[in-house]
């Protein structure tokens, strides 16, 4: 199973910039992150739905990207470390299974000082910096250019309009692909196990036209949600429905809600767009 997961991640890294970026505006990355299988339809460029493993919790195991982990079993570091989750293991807490991870102490987070004229060096598959680079006339360092911006060896950057993390290195080819770039990993099954179990909806606070990468938060059902048709252009399909709590919604159905996040009111609209989950956007 691990081999299959690693192969899938490698394919995502290699082809993500070309085959996935056009669908990121629909919120497909969260399904990749969950290890779901895309289901396509003739004439549709993007998946019309995803087949996902059961989101329900079990008393003796946890699920992460299609693999079941027994109690006290750790997730392989290579699968989580780039997104700063490490030492994650399955545990039963108050009758519910979930992953618990170690707290990282990266030098850049702790304010560890740099030598004058130096900067921190990163690797695309690492969370924390891996050292520092001190430019000198005696050694030539890699430079990477994209869309008029210049980055230097070891510097990380996030190309606009993509769900990619990149690090400038000697293998840079001016293309947004492996090994210099990789797709974001949200690790939703680590951070939002309760929300997934309750069939909540990923919610994004993005400007129009920006890709929907990792969810900013998740919205769970409330008694005040009024389910209506929010997208008149959606064509109903009996094979395409979304789950939200105990409710089943057709394509184009959803609701609007005002939420308060970090002291700010935000208006969001949730819609059954790509099953099995709703997709919520700020409006």
C-alpha atoms as a PDB file:
ATOM      1  CA  UNK A   1       0.000   0.000   0.000  1.00  0.00           C
ATOM      2  CA  UNK A   2       2.812   2.417   0.883  1.00  0.00           C
ATOM      3  CA  UNK A   3       4.357   1.833  -2.522  1.00  0.00           C
ATOM      4  CA  UNK A   4       1.084   2.776  -4.213  1.00  0.00           C
ATOM      5  CA  UNK A   5       0.770   5.930  -2.136  1.00  0.00           C
ATOM      6  CA  UNK A   6       4.320   6.973  -2.922  1.00  0.00           C
ATOM      7  CA  UNK A   7       3.758   6.301  -6.626  1.00  0.00           C
ATOM      8  CA  UNK A   8       0.614   8.412  -6.582  1.00  0.00           C
ATOM      9  CA  UNK A   9       2.459  11.256  -4.865  1.00  0.00           C
ATOM     10  CA  UNK A  10       5.274  11.074  -7.391  1.00  0.00           C
ATOM     11  CA  UNK A  11       2.815  11.254 -10.278  1.00  0.00           C
ATOM     12  CA  UNK A  12       1.105  14.227  -8.675  1.00  0.00           C
ATOM     13  CA  UNK A  13       4.454  15.965  -8.328  1.00  0.00           C
ATOM     14  CA  UNK A  14       5.479  15.210 -11.894  1.00  0.00           C
ATOM     15  CA  UNK A  15       2.256  16.106 -13.631  1.00  0.00           C
ATOM     16  CA  UNK A  16       0.527  18.380 -11.148  1.00  0.00           C
ATOM     17  CA  UNK A  17       1.420  21.643 -12.877  1.00  0.00           C
ATOM     18  CA  UNK A  18       0.029  20.536 -16.238  1.00  0.00           C
ATOM     19  CA  UNK A  19      -2.912  18.274 -15.449  1.00  0.00           C
ATOM     20  CA  UNK A  20      -4.218  19.598 -12.150  1.00  0.00           C
ATOM     21  CA  UNK A  21      -3.869  23.382 -12.096  1.00  0.00           C
ATOM     22  CA  UNK A  22      -6.944  23.973 -14.257  1.00  0.00           C
ATOM     23  CA  UNK A  23      -9.082  21.981 -11.811  1.00  0.00           C
ATOM     24  CA  UNK A  24      -7.711  23.545  -8.627  1.00  0.00           C
ATOM     25  CA  UNK A  25     -10.251  26.361  -8.934  1.00  0.00           C
ATOM     26  CA  UNK A  26     -12.888  23.703  -8.160  1.00  0.00           C
ATOM     27  CA  UNK A  27     -11.221  22.465  -4.974  1.00  0.00           C
ATOM     28  CA  UNK A  28      -9.892  19.118  -6.187  1.00  0.00           C
ATOM     29  CA  UNK A  29      -6.664  19.196  -4.143  1.00  0.00           C
ATOM     30  CA  UNK A  30      -8.445  18.259  -0.911  1.00  0.00           C
ATOM     31  CA  UNK A  31      -9.543  15.000  -2.550  1.00  0.00           C
ATOM     32  CA  UNK A  32      -5.995  14.240  -3.710  1.00  0.00           C
ATOM     33  CA  UNK A  33      -4.903  14.865  -0.136  1.00  0.00           C
ATOM     34  CA  UNK A  34      -7.473  12.375   1.155  1.00  0.00           C
ATOM     35  CA  UNK A  35      -6.230   9.702  -1.234  1.00  0.00           C
ATOM     36  CA  UNK A  36      -9.530   9.614  -3.145  1.00  0.00           C
ATOM     37  CA  UNK A  37      -9.822   8.282  -6.702  1.00  0.00           C
ATOM     38  CA  UNK A  38     -10.907  10.707  -9.420  1.00  0.00           C
ATOM     39  CA  UNK A  39     -13.884   9.741 -11.570  1.00  0.00           C
ATOM     40  CA  UNK A  40     -13.996  11.416 -14.971  1.00  0.00           C
ATOM     41  CA  UNK A  41     -16.725  11.771 -17.558  1.00  0.00           C
ATOM     42  CA  UNK A  42     -16.442  12.071 -21.313  1.00  0.00           C
ATOM     43  CA  UNK A  43     -16.317  15.721 -22.311  1.00  0.00           C
ATOM     44  CA  UNK A  44     -15.280  16.899 -18.846  1.00  0.00           C
ATOM     45  CA  UNK A  45     -11.693  18.114 -18.353  1.00  0.00           C
ATOM     46  CA  UNK A  46     -11.872  17.859 -14.559  1.00  0.00           C
ATOM     47  CA  UNK A  47     -13.156  14.985 -12.384  1.00  0.00           C
ATOM     48  CA  UNK A  48     -16.917  14.989 -11.855  1.00  0.00           C
ATOM     49  CA  UNK A  49     -16.640  13.214  -8.505  1.00  0.00           C
ATOM     50  CA  UNK A  50     -14.218  11.287  -6.317  1.00  0.00           C
ATOM     51  CA  UNK A  51     -14.451   7.861  -4.744  1.00  0.00           C
ATOM     52  CA  UNK A  52     -13.174   8.104  -1.185  1.00  0.00           C
ATOM     53  CA  UNK A  53     -12.629   5.585   1.589  1.00  0.00           C
ATOM     54  CA  UNK A  54     -15.093   5.707   4.440  1.00  0.00           C
ATOM     55  CA  UNK A  55     -14.566   8.889   6.480  1.00  0.00           C
ATOM     56  CA  UNK A  56     -16.086   7.296   9.595  1.00  0.00           C
ATOM     57  CA  UNK A  57     -13.887   6.784  12.609  1.00  0.00           C
ATOM     58  CA  UNK A  58     -13.194   3.354  14.024  1.00  0.00           C
ATOM     59  CA  UNK A  59     -12.322   2.465  17.599  1.00  0.00           C
ATOM     60  CA  UNK A  60      -9.114   0.640  16.783  1.00  0.00           C
ATOM     61  CA  UNK A  61      -7.578   2.353  13.728  1.00  0.00           C
ATOM     62  CA  UNK A  62      -7.083   5.602  11.781  1.00  0.00           C
ATOM     63  CA  UNK A  63      -7.189   6.276   8.052  1.00  0.00           C
ATOM     64  CA  UNK A  64      -4.660   8.340   6.108  1.00  0.00           C
ATOM     65  CA  UNK A  65      -4.613   8.573   2.299  1.00  0.00           C
ATOM     66  CA  UNK A  66      -6.171   5.176   1.778  1.00  0.00           C
ATOM     67  CA  UNK A  67      -4.067   3.307   4.336  1.00  0.00           C
ATOM     68  CA  UNK A  68      -5.324   2.035   7.680  1.00  0.00           C
ATOM     69  CA  UNK A  69      -3.074   2.631  10.698  1.00  0.00           C
ATOM     70  CA  UNK A  70      -3.454   0.560  13.859  1.00  0.00           C
ATOM     71  CA  UNK A  71      -3.414   2.153  17.297  1.00  0.00           C
ATOM     72  CA  UNK A  72       0.069   3.507  18.117  1.00  0.00           C
ATOM     73  CA  UNK A  73       1.235   3.017  14.518  1.00  0.00           C
ATOM     74  CA  UNK A  74       3.102   5.985  13.019  1.00  0.00           C
ATOM     75  CA  UNK A  75       2.598   7.519   9.596  1.00  0.00           C
ATOM     76  CA  UNK A  76       5.731   7.305   7.477  1.00  0.00           C
ATOM     77  CA  UNK A  77       7.624  10.589   7.805  1.00  0.00           C
ATOM     78  CA  UNK A  78       8.044  10.981   4.041  1.00  0.00           C
ATOM     79  CA  UNK A  79       4.256  11.326   3.690  1.00  0.00           C
ATOM     80  CA  UNK A  80       3.784  14.237   6.088  1.00  0.00           C
ATOM     81  CA  UNK A  81       7.007  16.091   6.835  1.00  0.00           C
ATOM     82  CA  UNK A  82       6.881  18.556   3.955  1.00  0.00           C
ATOM     83  CA  UNK A  83       3.706  20.016   5.469  1.00  0.00           C
ATOM     84  CA  UNK A  84       5.236  20.178   8.947  1.00  0.00           C
ATOM     85  CA  UNK A  85       3.500  17.178  10.525  1.00  0.00           C
ATOM     86  CA  UNK A  86       5.946  14.651  11.960  1.00  0.00           C
ATOM     87  CA  UNK A  87       5.834  11.734  14.364  1.00  0.00           C
ATOM     88  CA  UNK A  88       2.101  11.321  13.756  1.00  0.00           C
ATOM     89  CA  UNK A  89       0.599   8.202  15.337  1.00  0.00           C
ATOM     90  CA  UNK A  90      -2.913   6.819  15.722  1.00  0.00           C
ATOM     91  CA  UNK A  91      -4.400   6.964  19.195  1.00  0.00           C
ATOM     92  CA  UNK A  92      -7.795   6.547  20.865  1.00  0.00           C
ATOM     93  CA  UNK A  93      -8.774   9.699  22.725  1.00  0.00           C
ATOM     94  CA  UNK A  94     -12.044   9.742  24.665  1.00  0.00           C
ATOM     95  CA  UNK A  95     -13.426   6.931  22.568  1.00  0.00           C
ATOM     96  CA  UNK A  96     -12.436   8.461  19.203  1.00  0.00           C
ATOM     97  CA  UNK A  97      -9.409   7.593  17.113  1.00  0.00           C
ATOM     98  CA  UNK A  98      -7.271  10.382  15.700  1.00  0.00           C
ATOM     99  CA  UNK A  99      -3.691  11.186  14.788  1.00  0.00           C
ATOM    100  CA  UNK A 100      -1.449  13.012  17.229  1.00  0.00           C
ATOM    101  CA  UNK A 101       1.753  14.618  15.950  1.00  0.00           C
ATOM    102  CA  UNK A 102       4.904  16.017  17.489  1.00  0.00           C
ATOM    103  CA  UNK A 103       5.430  19.760  17.779  1.00  0.00           C
ATOM    104  CA  UNK A 104       8.220  20.943  15.510  1.00  0.00           C
ATOM    105  CA  UNK A 105      10.748  23.564  16.563  1.00  0.00           C
ATOM    106  CA  UNK A 106      12.196  24.916  13.319  1.00  0.00           C
ATOM    107  CA  UNK A 107      15.140  27.315  13.660  1.00  0.00           C
ATOM    108  CA  UNK A 108      13.286  29.995  11.693  1.00  0.00           C
ATOM    109  CA  UNK A 109      10.298  29.744  14.043  1.00  0.00           C
ATOM    110  CA  UNK A 110      12.466  30.018  17.139  1.00  0.00           C
ATOM    111  CA  UNK A 111      14.243  33.137  15.902  1.00  0.00           C
ATOM    112  CA  UNK A 112      17.658  31.470  15.616  1.00  0.00           C
ATOM    113  CA  UNK A 113      19.860  34.234  14.188  1.00  0.00           C
ATOM    114  CA  UNK A 114      21.559  34.094  10.806  1.00  0.00           C
ATOM    115  CA  UNK A 115      25.123  35.047  10.027  1.00  0.00           C
ATOM    116  CA  UNK A 116      25.404  38.468   8.371  1.00  0.00           C
ATOM    117  CA  UNK A 117      24.733  38.250   4.632  1.00  0.00           C
ATOM    118  CA  UNK A 118      23.329  34.722   4.834  1.00  0.00           C
ATOM    119  CA  UNK A 119      19.823  33.307   4.366  1.00  0.00           C
ATOM    120  CA  UNK A 120      18.039  30.092   5.301  1.00  0.00           C
ATOM    121  CA  UNK A 121      18.151  27.128   2.938  1.00  0.00           C
ATOM    122  CA  UNK A 122      15.171  24.839   2.305  1.00  0.00           C
ATOM    123  CA  UNK A 123      14.405  21.574   0.528  1.00  0.00           C
ATOM    124  CA  UNK A 124      11.101  20.918  -1.182  1.00  0.00           C
ATOM    125  CA  UNK A 125      10.351  17.779   0.879  1.00  0.00           C
ATOM    126  CA  UNK A 126      11.377  19.271   4.228  1.00  0.00           C
ATOM    127  CA  UNK A 127       9.399  21.479   6.593  1.00  0.00           C
ATOM    128  CA  UNK A 128      12.195  23.248   8.456  1.00  0.00           C
ATOM    129  CA  UNK A 129      15.184  24.962   6.951  1.00  0.00           C
ATOM    130  CA  UNK A 130      18.153  22.630   6.477  1.00  0.00           C
ATOM    131  CA  UNK A 131      20.927  25.138   7.018  1.00  0.00           C
ATOM    132  CA  UNK A 132      21.999  28.473   5.644  1.00  0.00           C
ATOM    133  CA  UNK A 133      23.572  29.790   2.477  1.00  0.00           C
ATOM    134  CA  UNK A 134      26.247  32.430   2.638  1.00  0.00           C
ATOM    135  CA  UNK A 135      26.875  33.777  -0.891  1.00  0.00           C
ATOM    136  CA  UNK A 136      30.445  34.535  -1.852  1.00  0.00           C
ATOM    137  CA  UNK A 137      32.389  35.348  -4.983  1.00  0.00           C
ATOM    138  CA  UNK A 138      34.238  32.044  -4.675  1.00  0.00           C
ATOM    139  CA  UNK A 139      31.182  29.844  -5.257  1.00  0.00           C
ATOM    140  CA  UNK A 140      28.421  30.084  -7.822  1.00  0.00           C
ATOM    141  CA  UNK A 141      24.903  29.472  -6.511  1.00  0.00           C
ATOM    142  CA  UNK A 142      21.840  28.486  -8.485  1.00  0.00           C
ATOM    143  CA  UNK A 143      19.344  31.125  -9.580  1.00  0.00           C
ATOM    144  CA  UNK A 144      15.760  30.433 -10.628  1.00  0.00           C
ATOM    145  CA  UNK A 145      13.584  32.815 -12.594  1.00  0.00           C
ATOM    146  CA  UNK A 146       9.835  32.656 -13.154  1.00  0.00           C
ATOM    147  CA  UNK A 147       7.407  35.331 -14.327  1.00  0.00           C
ATOM    148  CA  UNK A 148      10.005  38.021 -13.848  1.00  0.00           C
ATOM    149  CA  UNK A 149      10.847  36.989 -10.271  1.00  0.00           C
ATOM    150  CA  UNK A 150      14.277  35.729  -9.246  1.00  0.00           C
ATOM    151  CA  UNK A 151      15.003  33.238  -6.477  1.00  0.00           C
ATOM    152  CA  UNK A 152      18.326  31.975  -5.220  1.00  0.00           C
ATOM    153  CA  UNK A 153      19.526  28.504  -4.289  1.00  0.00           C
ATOM    154  CA  UNK A 154      17.680  27.069  -1.305  1.00  0.00           C
ATOM    155  CA  UNK A 155      14.957  29.739  -1.331  1.00  0.00           C
ATOM    156  CA  UNK A 156      11.346  28.498  -1.320  1.00  0.00           C
ATOM    157  CA  UNK A 157       8.572  30.112  -3.324  1.00  0.00           C
ATOM    158  CA  UNK A 158       4.930  29.541  -4.153  1.00  0.00           C
ATOM    159  CA  UNK A 159       4.109  30.212  -7.826  1.00  0.00           C
ATOM    160  CA  UNK A 160       1.005  32.354  -8.203  1.00  0.00           C
ATOM    161  CA  UNK A 161      -2.088  30.565  -9.481  1.00  0.00           C
ATOM    162  CA  UNK A 162      -0.892  27.105  -8.444  1.00  0.00           C
ATOM    163  CA  UNK A 163      -1.054  24.727  -5.484  1.00  0.00           C
ATOM    164  CA  UNK A 164       2.700  24.214  -5.620  1.00  0.00           C
ATOM    165  CA  UNK A 165       5.592  24.658  -3.239  1.00  0.00           C
ATOM    166  CA  UNK A 166       8.940  25.078  -4.983  1.00  0.00           C
ATOM    167  CA  UNK A 167      12.548  25.453  -3.879  1.00  0.00           C
ATOM    168  CA  UNK A 168      15.249  26.874  -6.119  1.00  0.00           C
ATOM    169  CA  UNK A 169      17.978  24.304  -6.743  1.00  0.00           C
ATOM    170  CA  UNK A 170      20.508  23.171  -9.323  1.00  0.00           C
ATOM    171  CA  UNK A 171      17.873  21.016 -11.031  1.00  0.00           C
ATOM    172  CA  UNK A 172      15.566  23.936 -11.849  1.00  0.00           C
ATOM    173  CA  UNK A 173      14.400  23.705 -15.477  1.00  0.00           C
ATOM    174  CA  UNK A 174      12.125  26.773 -15.540  1.00  0.00           C
ATOM    175  CA  UNK A 175       9.208  24.355 -15.409  1.00  0.00           C
ATOM    176  CA  UNK A 176       6.936  23.909 -12.409  1.00  0.00           C
ATOM    177  CA  UNK A 177       7.607  20.224 -11.911  1.00  0.00           C
ATOM    178  CA  UNK A 178       9.526  17.710  -9.807  1.00  0.00           C
ATOM    179  CA  UNK A 179      12.074  17.643  -8.337  1.00  0.00           C
ATOM    180  CA  UNK A 180      12.027  21.409  -7.698  1.00  0.00           C
ATOM    181  CA  UNK A 181       8.265  21.646  -7.073  1.00  0.00           C
ATOM    182  CA  UNK A 182       5.596  19.556  -5.434  1.00  0.00           C
ATOM    183  CA  UNK A 183       1.857  19.799  -4.814  1.00  0.00           C
ATOM    184  CA  UNK A 184       0.697  21.040  -1.423  1.00  0.00           C
ATOM    185  CA  UNK A 185      -0.167  18.438   1.180  1.00  0.00           C
ATOM    186  CA  UNK A 186      -3.015  19.504   3.463  1.00  0.00           C
ATOM    187  CA  UNK A 187      -3.066  16.434   5.754  1.00  0.00           C
ATOM    188  CA  UNK A 188      -6.787  16.947   6.384  1.00  0.00           C
ATOM    189  CA  UNK A 189      -7.165  13.484   7.925  1.00  0.00           C
ATOM    190  CA  UNK A 190      -4.644  14.528  10.564  1.00  0.00           C
ATOM    191  CA  UNK A 191      -6.004  18.005  11.295  1.00  0.00           C
ATOM    192  CA  UNK A 192      -9.732  17.574  10.655  1.00  0.00           C
ATOM    193  CA  UNK A 193     -10.641  13.974  11.525  1.00  0.00           C
ATOM    194  CA  UNK A 194     -13.740  15.073  13.467  1.00  0.00           C
ATOM    195  CA  UNK A 195     -14.988  17.254  10.613  1.00  0.00           C
ATOM    196  CA  UNK A 196     -14.517  14.501   8.050  1.00  0.00           C
ATOM    197  CA  UNK A 197     -16.322  12.008  10.241  1.00  0.00           C
ATOM    198  CA  UNK A 198     -19.264  14.419  10.549  1.00  0.00           C
ATOM    199  CA  UNK A 199     -19.324  15.074   6.772  1.00  0.00           C
ATOM    200  CA  UNK A 200     -18.490  18.765   7.120  1.00  0.00           C
ATOM    201  CA  UNK A 201     -17.405  20.892   4.141  1.00  0.00           C
ATOM    202  CA  UNK A 202     -14.000  22.368   3.241  1.00  0.00           C
ATOM    203  CA  UNK A 203     -14.168  26.166   3.154  1.00  0.00           C
ATOM    204  CA  UNK A 204     -11.847  28.558   1.302  1.00  0.00           C
ATOM    205  CA  UNK A 205     -11.214  32.285   1.682  1.00  0.00           C
ATOM    206  CA  UNK A 206      -9.795  33.042  -1.748  1.00  0.00           C
ATOM    207  CA  UNK A 207     -10.217  35.883  -4.202  1.00  0.00           C
ATOM    208  CA  UNK A 208     -12.039  35.111  -7.430  1.00  0.00           C
ATOM    209  CA  UNK A 209      -9.811  33.246  -9.855  1.00  0.00           C
ATOM    210  CA  UNK A 210      -7.379  31.957  -7.221  1.00  0.00           C
ATOM    211  CA  UNK A 211      -6.940  28.185  -6.870  1.00  0.00           C
ATOM    212  CA  UNK A 212      -8.583  26.384  -3.968  1.00  0.00           C
ATOM    213  CA  UNK A 213      -5.663  24.559  -2.397  1.00  0.00           C
ATOM    214  CA  UNK A 214      -5.779  23.521   1.266  1.00  0.00           C
ATOM    215  CA  UNK A 215      -9.030  24.503   3.043  1.00  0.00           C
ATOM    216  CA  UNK A 216      -8.831  27.508   5.366  1.00  0.00           C
ATOM    217  CA  UNK A 217     -11.409  25.916   7.669  1.00  0.00           C
ATOM    218  CA  UNK A 218     -14.271  23.399   7.625  1.00  0.00           C
ATOM    219  CA  UNK A 219     -17.975  24.138   8.057  1.00  0.00           C
ATOM    220  CA  UNK A 220     -20.182  21.657   9.872  1.00  0.00           C
ATOM    221  CA  UNK A 221     -24.001  21.389   9.682  1.00  0.00           C
ATOM    222  CA  UNK A 222     -26.230  23.635  11.789  1.00  0.00           C
ATOM    223  CA  UNK A 223     -29.986  23.579  12.277  1.00  0.00           C
ATOM    224  CA  UNK A 224     -30.283  26.974  10.541  1.00  0.00           C
ATOM    225  CA  UNK A 225     -28.843  25.844   7.198  1.00  0.00           C
ATOM    226  CA  UNK A 226     -31.479  26.275   4.503  1.00  0.00           C
ATOM    227  CA  UNK A 227     -30.696  23.997   1.574  1.00  0.00           C
ATOM    228  CA  UNK A 228     -31.650  25.586  -1.756  1.00  0.00           C
ATOM    229  CA  UNK A 229     -30.482  25.669  -5.390  1.00  0.00           C
ATOM    230  CA  UNK A 230     -27.502  28.043  -5.339  1.00  0.00           C
ATOM    231  CA  UNK A 231     -26.271  27.352  -8.881  1.00  0.00           C
ATOM    232  CA  UNK A 232     -28.985  27.378 -11.520  1.00  0.00           C
ATOM    233  CA  UNK A 233     -26.472  26.324 -14.154  1.00  0.00           C
ATOM    234  CA  UNK A 234     -25.758  22.962 -12.515  1.00  0.00           C
ATOM    235  CA  UNK A 235     -27.255  19.960 -14.285  1.00  0.00           C
ATOM    236  CA  UNK A 236     -28.616  17.330 -11.911  1.00  0.00           C
ATOM    237  CA  UNK A 237     -27.245  13.811 -12.178  1.00  0.00           C
ATOM    238  CA  UNK A 238     -28.640  11.001 -10.006  1.00  0.00           C
ATOM    239  CA  UNK A 239     -25.142   9.524  -9.742  1.00  0.00           C
ATOM    240  CA  UNK A 240     -23.653  12.776  -8.436  1.00  0.00           C
ATOM    241  CA  UNK A 241     -24.703  13.779  -4.916  1.00  0.00           C
ATOM    242  CA  UNK A 242     -22.922  15.282  -1.921  1.00  0.00           C
ATOM    243  CA  UNK A 243     -23.131  14.464   1.779  1.00  0.00           C
ATOM    244  CA  UNK A 244     -23.370  17.190   4.401  1.00  0.00           C
ATOM    245  CA  UNK A 245     -23.964  15.793   7.851  1.00  0.00           C
ATOM    246  CA  UNK A 246     -26.974  13.527   7.445  1.00  0.00           C
ATOM    247  CA  UNK A 247     -28.250  15.416   4.368  1.00  0.00           C
ATOM    248  CA  UNK A 248     -27.820  14.416   0.718  1.00  0.00           C
ATOM    249  CA  UNK A 249     -27.609  17.272  -1.795  1.00  0.00           C
ATOM    250  CA  UNK A 250     -27.926  17.306  -5.572  1.00  0.00           C
ATOM    251  CA  UNK A 251     -25.490  19.137  -7.842  1.00  0.00           C
ATOM    252  CA  UNK A 252     -26.017  22.883  -7.562  1.00  0.00           C
ATOM    253  CA  UNK A 253     -27.707  22.674  -4.159  1.00  0.00           C
ATOM    254  CA  UNK A 254     -26.214  24.300  -1.094  1.00  0.00           C
ATOM    255  CA  UNK A 255     -26.652  27.148   1.362  1.00  0.00           C
ATOM    256  CA  UNK A 256     -25.276  30.524   2.411  1.00  0.00           C
ATOM    257  CA  UNK A 257     -23.974  31.349   5.858  1.00  0.00           C
ATOM    258  CA  UNK A 258     -22.242  34.168   7.682  1.00  0.00           C
ATOM    259  CA  UNK A 259     -19.362  32.984   9.844  1.00  0.00           C
ATOM    260  CA  UNK A 260     -16.956  34.774  12.152  1.00  0.00           C
ATOM    261  CA  UNK A 261     -13.290  33.904  11.796  1.00  0.00           C
ATOM    262  CA  UNK A 262     -10.601  35.569  13.916  1.00  0.00           C
ATOM    263  CA  UNK A 263     -12.917  38.456  14.708  1.00  0.00           C
ATOM    264  CA  UNK A 264     -13.949  39.037  11.077  1.00  0.00           C
ATOM    265  CA  UNK A 265     -17.389  38.305   9.596  1.00  0.00           C
ATOM    266  CA  UNK A 266     -17.284  36.389   6.325  1.00  0.00           C
ATOM    267  CA  UNK A 267     -20.110  35.457   3.969  1.00  0.00           C
ATOM    268  CA  UNK A 268     -19.694  32.015   2.445  1.00  0.00           C
ATOM    269  CA  UNK A 269     -21.656  29.931  -0.018  1.00  0.00           C
ATOM    270  CA  UNK A 270     -21.481  26.152  -0.009  1.00  0.00           C
ATOM    271  CA  UNK A 271     -22.391  24.127  -3.073  1.00  0.00           C
ATOM    272  CA  UNK A 272     -22.489  20.517  -4.184  1.00  0.00           C
ATOM    273  CA  UNK A 273     -19.962  20.924  -6.976  1.00  0.00           C
ATOM    274  CA  UNK A 274     -17.706  17.867  -7.000  1.00  0.00           C
ATOM    275  CA  UNK A 275     -19.023  15.050  -4.752  1.00  0.00           C
ATOM    276  CA  UNK A 276     -18.832  13.614  -2.209  1.00  0.00           C
ATOM    277  CA  UNK A 277     -18.241  16.796  -0.175  1.00  0.00           C
ATOM    278  CA  UNK A 278     -19.670  20.276  -0.478  1.00  0.00           C
ATOM    279  CA  UNK A 279     -17.285  23.095  -1.457  1.00  0.00           C
ATOM    280  CA  UNK A 280     -17.565  26.422   0.384  1.00  0.00           C
ATOM    281  CA  UNK A 281     -16.215  29.745  -0.900  1.00  0.00           C
ATOM    282  CA  UNK A 282     -16.230  33.244   0.522  1.00  0.00           C
ATOM    283  CA  UNK A 283     -18.589  35.459  -1.496  1.00  0.00           C
END
